[in-house]
Amino acid sequence: VAPIPDAQPPVSVYTLVLIALLGVPRNKILFLDPVLRL
């Protein structure tokens, strides 16, 4: 595995944060949607 450049870590951190911010609300909606429909 090639060493990660210094410019790479911040980008991956931002992408992980974006994925988390986009993924968590979707998961909450998926869990709450059936409850709201009931």
C-alpha atoms as a PDB file:
ATOM      1  CA  VAL A   1       0.000   0.000   0.000  1.00  0.00           C
ATOM      2  CA  ALA A   2       1.446   3.353  -1.012  1.00  0.00           C
ATOM      3  CA  PRO A   3       1.901   5.953   1.753  1.00  0.00           C
ATOM      4  CA  ILE A   4      -0.929   8.458   1.946  1.00  0.00           C
ATOM      5  CA  PRO A   5       0.091  12.014   0.879  1.00  0.00           C
ATOM      6  CA  ASP A   6      -0.321  14.845   3.383  1.00  0.00           C
ATOM      7  CA  ALA A   7      -3.100  16.336   1.265  1.00  0.00           C
ATOM      8  CA  GLN A   8      -5.135  13.121   1.328  1.00  0.00           C
ATOM      9  CA  PRO A   9      -6.201  12.759   4.999  1.00  0.00           C
ATOM     10  CA  PRO A  10      -8.266  16.005   5.174  1.00  0.00           C
ATOM     11  CA  VAL A  11     -10.125  15.018   2.006  1.00  0.00           C
ATOM     12  CA  SER A  12     -10.960  11.579   3.364  1.00  0.00           C
ATOM     13  CA  VAL A  13     -12.056  13.083   6.666  1.00  0.00           C
ATOM     14  CA  TYR A  14     -14.381  15.487   4.890  1.00  0.00           C
ATOM     15  CA  THR A  15     -15.772  12.701   2.716  1.00  0.00           C
ATOM     16  CA  LEU A  16     -16.352  10.498   5.777  1.00  0.00           C
ATOM     17  CA  VAL A  17     -18.133  13.378   7.517  1.00  0.00           C
ATOM     18  CA  LEU A  18     -20.273  14.040   4.447  1.00  0.00           C
ATOM     19  CA  ILE A  19     -21.129  10.350   4.158  1.00  0.00           C
ATOM     20  CA  ALA A  20     -22.042  10.285   7.844  1.00  0.00           C
ATOM     21  CA  LEU A  21     -24.184  13.424   7.576  1.00  0.00           C
ATOM     22  CA  LEU A  22     -25.914  12.076   4.462  1.00  0.00           C
ATOM     23  CA  GLY A  23     -26.227   8.513   5.753  1.00  0.00           C
ATOM     24  CA  VAL A  24     -27.539   9.116   9.266  1.00  0.00           C
ATOM     25  CA  PRO A  25     -30.608  11.181   8.251  1.00  0.00           C
ATOM     26  CA  ARG A  26     -31.461   8.581   5.584  1.00  0.00           C
ATOM     27  CA  ASN A  27     -31.250   5.813   8.173  1.00  0.00           C
ATOM     28  CA  LYS A  28     -33.430   7.794  10.571  1.00  0.00           C
ATOM     29  CA  ILE A  29     -35.979   8.409   7.833  1.00  0.00           C
ATOM     30  CA  LEU A  30     -35.986   4.723   6.905  1.00  0.00           C
ATOM     31  CA  PHE A  31     -36.608   3.769  10.527  1.00  0.00           C
ATOM     32  CA  LEU A  32     -39.158   6.519  11.207  1.00  0.00           C
ATOM     33  CA  ASP A  33     -41.044   6.214   7.904  1.00  0.00           C
ATOM     34  CA  PRO A  34     -42.767   2.888   8.713  1.00  0.00           C
ATOM     35  CA  VAL A  35     -43.588   4.187  12.208  1.00  0.00           C
ATOM     36  CA  LEU A  36     -45.139   7.362  10.809  1.00  0.00           C
ATOM     37  CA  ARG A  37     -47.116   5.322   8.275  1.00  0.00           C
ATOM     38  CA  LEU A  38     -48.514   3.164  11.083  1.00  0.00           C
END
